[in-house]
Structure formats: C-alpha cells, structure tokens
Amino acid sequence: MYFTIISVTILLKVYYLYRRHFPVKGIECIKLDKIVKTNNAYILDIRDYELAHHHQIKGTINIPLAYLKRNYRGLNEKNVYIIASNIVDVNISSRFLLRKGIKINGFYLIHHPNKKSNIQNCKNRRVIHGVHG
C-alpha cells in the first residue's frame, strides 16, 4: 500500500512537470514582425492585463492565462499565435488550446522590461528550454 501511494505521488509530479516545462511539439518561436504581418490569424496575448497594457502590440487580443479557460471560445475560427512573457505560460496555454481543437501556429516571448534575461526573445526553442546543441 505504501509503495502504491509513493508511486502515484511520483507519477503525478512527473505529469505536472511535463505539462508545465516540456515543450509542445510543433509550436515554434516566431519573430514578432512575421506574426504582425500575418493575416487570417488571431494574435493572442496571454500576459496579464498590466503588462499587456504598458507594452501593447497592435492587433492582439489580450486574454491572460488565468482567464483563458473562460474566454477561449471565439478563437476557433482562425489560426492563433501566442504572445507570452515566459515559456511555461506558452506550454500551458498551448496544451489547453490544442485540447480544445484550436490550431497554434507559433509563439513569441516578450520579457518583462524590468527583469534582466539572458534569453533573447526568439532563439531556437531548444535553447529557450536550456538544451544546447
């Protein structure tokens, strides 16, 4: 019985880490200028309202990640590009939207201007996740 409880606990932790930190296959980082020029697609900004308000991008729909489950229904008509402040938010939102049948074409990371980051906005996705080579 004790072994079963430990096994289930470990499996739940692994699943949790997978959903948050493992990259979603087929979704790549795209330069912002390519996303903005795209027609027939939604640009979904999942940053919180304050960040999105102070650093606006024309043509985006701001639905913070916390509100995505309630407000995703209008996104299924077109392809979607995601604007986020970190890769974990991209992974969580991408998995959710893909489960709902919404096609994700790519993402772009906008880091908080007050935080120093050694990651450039749109490097190779493997580098973003810390896997070099």
C-alpha atoms as a PDB file:
ATOM      1  CA  MET A   1       0.000   0.000   0.000  1.00  0.00           C
ATOM      2  CA  TYR A   2       2.789   2.393   0.922  1.00  0.00           C
ATOM      3  CA  PHE A   3       4.582   1.648  -2.365  1.00  0.00           C
ATOM      4  CA  THR A   4       1.401   2.428  -4.330  1.00  0.00           C
ATOM      5  CA  ILE A   5       0.971   5.811  -2.654  1.00  0.00           C
ATOM      6  CA  ILE A   6       4.582   6.752  -3.362  1.00  0.00           C
ATOM      7  CA  SER A   7       4.295   5.578  -6.983  1.00  0.00           C
ATOM      8  CA  VAL A   8       1.122   7.574  -7.590  1.00  0.00           C
ATOM      9  CA  THR A   9       2.662  10.658  -5.985  1.00  0.00           C
ATOM     10  CA  ILE A  10       5.753  10.406  -8.180  1.00  0.00           C
ATOM     11  CA  LEU A  11       3.665   9.903 -11.319  1.00  0.00           C
ATOM     12  CA  LEU A  12       1.540  12.951 -10.515  1.00  0.00           C
ATOM     13  CA  LYS A  13       4.644  15.089 -10.002  1.00  0.00           C
ATOM     14  CA  VAL A  14       6.164  13.898 -13.277  1.00  0.00           C
ATOM     15  CA  TYR A  15       2.913  14.645 -15.119  1.00  0.00           C
ATOM     16  CA  TYR A  16       2.757  18.110 -13.547  1.00  0.00           C
ATOM     17  CA  LEU A  17       6.345  18.878 -14.598  1.00  0.00           C
ATOM     18  CA  TYR A  18       5.698  17.548 -18.097  1.00  0.00           C
ATOM     19  CA  ARG A  19       2.660  19.777 -18.640  1.00  0.00           C
ATOM     20  CA  ARG A  20       4.447  22.911 -17.498  1.00  0.00           C
ATOM     21  CA  HIS A  21       8.037  22.525 -18.644  1.00  0.00           C
ATOM     22  CA  PHE A  22       8.211  20.108 -21.569  1.00  0.00           C
ATOM     23  CA  PRO A  23       7.918  21.898 -24.943  1.00  0.00           C
ATOM     24  CA  VAL A  24       4.817  21.378 -27.065  1.00  0.00           C
ATOM     25  CA  LYS A  25       5.758  19.609 -30.280  1.00  0.00           C
ATOM     26  CA  GLY A  26       5.242  21.568 -33.481  1.00  0.00           C
ATOM     27  CA  ILE A  27       4.953  25.028 -31.925  1.00  0.00           C
ATOM     28  CA  GLU A  28       7.948  27.198 -32.682  1.00  0.00           C
ATOM     29  CA  CYS A  29       9.115  30.633 -31.687  1.00  0.00           C
ATOM     30  CA  ILE A  30       8.426  33.143 -34.457  1.00  0.00           C
ATOM     31  CA  LYS A  31       9.734  36.681 -34.833  1.00  0.00           C
ATOM     32  CA  LEU A  32       7.201  39.320 -33.860  1.00  0.00           C
ATOM     33  CA  ASP A  33       7.332  41.124 -37.198  1.00  0.00           C
ATOM     34  CA  LYS A  34       6.326  37.912 -39.000  1.00  0.00           C
ATOM     35  CA  ILE A  35       3.396  37.429 -36.633  1.00  0.00           C
ATOM     36  CA  VAL A  36       2.144  41.005 -37.020  1.00  0.00           C
ATOM     37  CA  LYS A  37       2.200  40.734 -40.822  1.00  0.00           C
ATOM     38  CA  THR A  38       0.141  37.537 -40.743  1.00  0.00           C
ATOM     39  CA  ASN A  39      -3.428  37.824 -41.986  1.00  0.00           C
ATOM     40  CA  ASN A  40      -6.265  35.486 -41.110  1.00  0.00           C
ATOM     41  CA  ALA A  41      -4.922  34.686 -37.646  1.00  0.00           C
ATOM     42  CA  TYR A  42      -5.516  35.773 -34.084  1.00  0.00           C
ATOM     43  CA  ILE A  43      -2.612  37.105 -32.070  1.00  0.00           C
ATOM     44  CA  LEU A  44      -3.400  36.059 -28.516  1.00  0.00           C
ATOM     45  CA  ASP A  45      -1.579  37.963 -25.769  1.00  0.00           C
ATOM     46  CA  ILE A  46      -1.709  35.828 -22.610  1.00  0.00           C
ATOM     47  CA  ARG A  47       0.320  38.214 -20.455  1.00  0.00           C
ATOM     48  CA  ASP A  48      -1.505  39.793 -17.533  1.00  0.00           C
ATOM     49  CA  TYR A  49      -3.511  42.938 -18.192  1.00  0.00           C
ATOM     50  CA  GLU A  50      -0.955  45.283 -16.648  1.00  0.00           C
ATOM     51  CA  LEU A  51       1.976  44.083 -18.755  1.00  0.00           C
ATOM     52  CA  ALA A  52      -0.108  43.957 -21.904  1.00  0.00           C
ATOM     53  CA  HIS A  53      -1.417  47.462 -21.284  1.00  0.00           C
ATOM     54  CA  HIS A  54       2.002  49.023 -20.724  1.00  0.00           C
ATOM     55  CA  HIS A  55       3.642  47.170 -23.620  1.00  0.00           C
ATOM     56  CA  GLN A  56       0.890  46.929 -26.203  1.00  0.00           C
ATOM     57  CA  ILE A  57       1.159  45.205 -29.558  1.00  0.00           C
ATOM     58  CA  LYS A  58      -1.282  46.307 -32.233  1.00  0.00           C
ATOM     59  CA  GLY A  59      -3.816  43.742 -33.321  1.00  0.00           C
ATOM     60  CA  THR A  60      -3.592  41.458 -30.299  1.00  0.00           C
ATOM     61  CA  ILE A  61      -6.380  40.038 -28.190  1.00  0.00           C
ATOM     62  CA  ASN A  62      -5.426  40.129 -24.519  1.00  0.00           C
ATOM     63  CA  ILE A  63      -6.748  37.151 -22.581  1.00  0.00           C
ATOM     64  CA  PRO A  64      -4.484  36.477 -19.586  1.00  0.00           C
ATOM     65  CA  LEU A  65      -3.663  32.849 -18.941  1.00  0.00           C
ATOM     66  CA  ALA A  66      -5.804  32.818 -15.797  1.00  0.00           C
ATOM     67  CA  TYR A  67      -8.887  33.768 -17.871  1.00  0.00           C
ATOM     68  CA  LEU A  68      -8.192  31.587 -20.894  1.00  0.00           C
ATOM     69  CA  LYS A  69     -10.467  28.722 -19.837  1.00  0.00           C
ATOM     70  CA  ARG A  70     -13.445  31.087 -19.699  1.00  0.00           C
ATOM     71  CA  ASN A  71     -12.741  33.120 -22.827  1.00  0.00           C
ATOM     72  CA  TYR A  72     -11.203  30.850 -25.466  1.00  0.00           C
ATOM     73  CA  ARG A  73     -14.389  30.058 -27.403  1.00  0.00           C
ATOM     74  CA  GLY A  74     -14.091  32.816 -30.011  1.00  0.00           C
ATOM     75  CA  LEU A  75     -10.634  31.694 -31.134  1.00  0.00           C
ATOM     76  CA  ASN A  76     -11.556  28.601 -33.133  1.00  0.00           C
ATOM     77  CA  GLU A  77     -12.268  30.347 -36.432  1.00  0.00           C
ATOM     78  CA  LYS A  78      -8.660  31.219 -37.258  1.00  0.00           C
ATOM     79  CA  ASN A  79      -5.120  30.171 -36.506  1.00  0.00           C
ATOM     80  CA  VAL A  80      -3.586  31.507 -33.294  1.00  0.00           C
ATOM     81  CA  TYR A  81      -0.194  32.960 -32.420  1.00  0.00           C
ATOM     82  CA  ILE A  82       0.620  33.325 -28.720  1.00  0.00           C
ATOM     83  CA  ILE A  83       2.410  36.278 -27.129  1.00  0.00           C
ATOM     84  CA  ALA A  84       3.653  35.453 -23.623  1.00  0.00           C
ATOM     85  CA  SER A  85       6.160  36.592 -21.039  1.00  0.00           C
ATOM     86  CA  ASN A  86       7.623  33.150 -20.323  1.00  0.00           C
ATOM     87  CA  ILE A  87       7.849  29.699 -21.830  1.00  0.00           C
ATOM     88  CA  VAL A  88       5.834  27.999 -19.082  1.00  0.00           C
ATOM     89  CA  ASP A  89       2.804  30.144 -19.956  1.00  0.00           C
ATOM     90  CA  VAL A  90       3.260  29.205 -23.613  1.00  0.00           C
ATOM     91  CA  ASN A  91       3.324  25.497 -22.760  1.00  0.00           C
ATOM     92  CA  ILE A  92       0.258  25.650 -20.514  1.00  0.00           C
ATOM     93  CA  SER A  93      -1.830  27.749 -22.900  1.00  0.00           C
ATOM     94  CA  SER A  94      -0.764  25.774 -25.980  1.00  0.00           C
ATOM     95  CA  ARG A  95      -1.713  22.454 -24.436  1.00  0.00           C
ATOM     96  CA  PHE A  96      -5.069  23.830 -23.329  1.00  0.00           C
ATOM     97  CA  LEU A  97      -5.921  25.369 -26.709  1.00  0.00           C
ATOM     98  CA  LEU A  98      -4.786  22.291 -28.630  1.00  0.00           C
ATOM     99  CA  ARG A  99      -7.067  20.119 -26.469  1.00  0.00           C
ATOM    100  CA  LYS A 100      -9.924  22.435 -27.454  1.00  0.00           C
ATOM    101  CA  GLY A 101      -9.120  21.982 -31.153  1.00  0.00           C
ATOM    102  CA  ILE A 102      -7.542  25.392 -31.764  1.00  0.00           C
ATOM    103  CA  LYS A 103      -4.527  25.439 -34.086  1.00  0.00           C
ATOM    104  CA  ILE A 104      -1.448  27.155 -32.647  1.00  0.00           C
ATOM    105  CA  ASN A 105       0.954  28.405 -35.326  1.00  0.00           C
ATOM    106  CA  GLY A 106       3.685  29.730 -33.064  1.00  0.00           C
ATOM    107  CA  PHE A 107       4.606  31.960 -30.165  1.00  0.00           C
ATOM    108  CA  TYR A 108       6.703  34.969 -29.268  1.00  0.00           C
ATOM    109  CA  LEU A 109       8.205  35.768 -25.869  1.00  0.00           C
ATOM    110  CA  ILE A 110       8.195  39.298 -24.521  1.00  0.00           C
ATOM    111  CA  HIS A 111      10.167  39.516 -21.319  1.00  0.00           C
ATOM    112  CA  HIS A 112       9.282  41.952 -18.584  1.00  0.00           C
ATOM    113  CA  PRO A 113      11.323  45.114 -19.230  1.00  0.00           C
ATOM    114  CA  ASN A 114      12.466  45.397 -15.600  1.00  0.00           C
ATOM    115  CA  LYS A 115      13.793  41.834 -15.426  1.00  0.00           C
ATOM    116  CA  LYS A 116      17.168  41.001 -16.846  1.00  0.00           C
ATOM    117  CA  SER A 117      17.092  37.941 -19.045  1.00  0.00           C
ATOM    118  CA  ASN A 118      19.914  36.159 -20.779  1.00  0.00           C
ATOM    119  CA  ILE A 119      17.464  34.654 -23.257  1.00  0.00           C
ATOM    120  CA  GLN A 120      16.868  36.504 -26.482  1.00  0.00           C
ATOM    121  CA  ASN A 121      13.221  36.759 -27.456  1.00  0.00           C
ATOM    122  CA  CYS A 122      13.200  34.312 -30.317  1.00  0.00           C
ATOM    123  CA  LYS A 123      16.103  31.914 -30.236  1.00  0.00           C
ATOM    124  CA  ASN A 124      15.883  28.280 -31.135  1.00  0.00           C
ATOM    125  CA  ARG A 125      13.264  26.677 -28.882  1.00  0.00           C
ATOM    126  CA  ARG A 126      15.767  24.095 -27.653  1.00  0.00           C
ATOM    127  CA  VAL A 127      17.976  26.924 -26.394  1.00  0.00           C
ATOM    128  CA  ILE A 128      14.999  28.561 -24.663  1.00  0.00           C
ATOM    129  CA  HIS A 129      14.484  25.356 -22.720  1.00  0.00           C
ATOM    130  CA  GLY A 130      18.151  25.176 -21.777  1.00  0.00           C
ATOM    131  CA  VAL A 131      19.101  22.326 -24.123  1.00  0.00           C
ATOM    132  CA  HIS A 132      22.013  23.497 -26.230  1.00  0.00           C
ATOM    133  CA  GLY A 133      23.089  21.762 -29.390  1.00  0.00           C
END
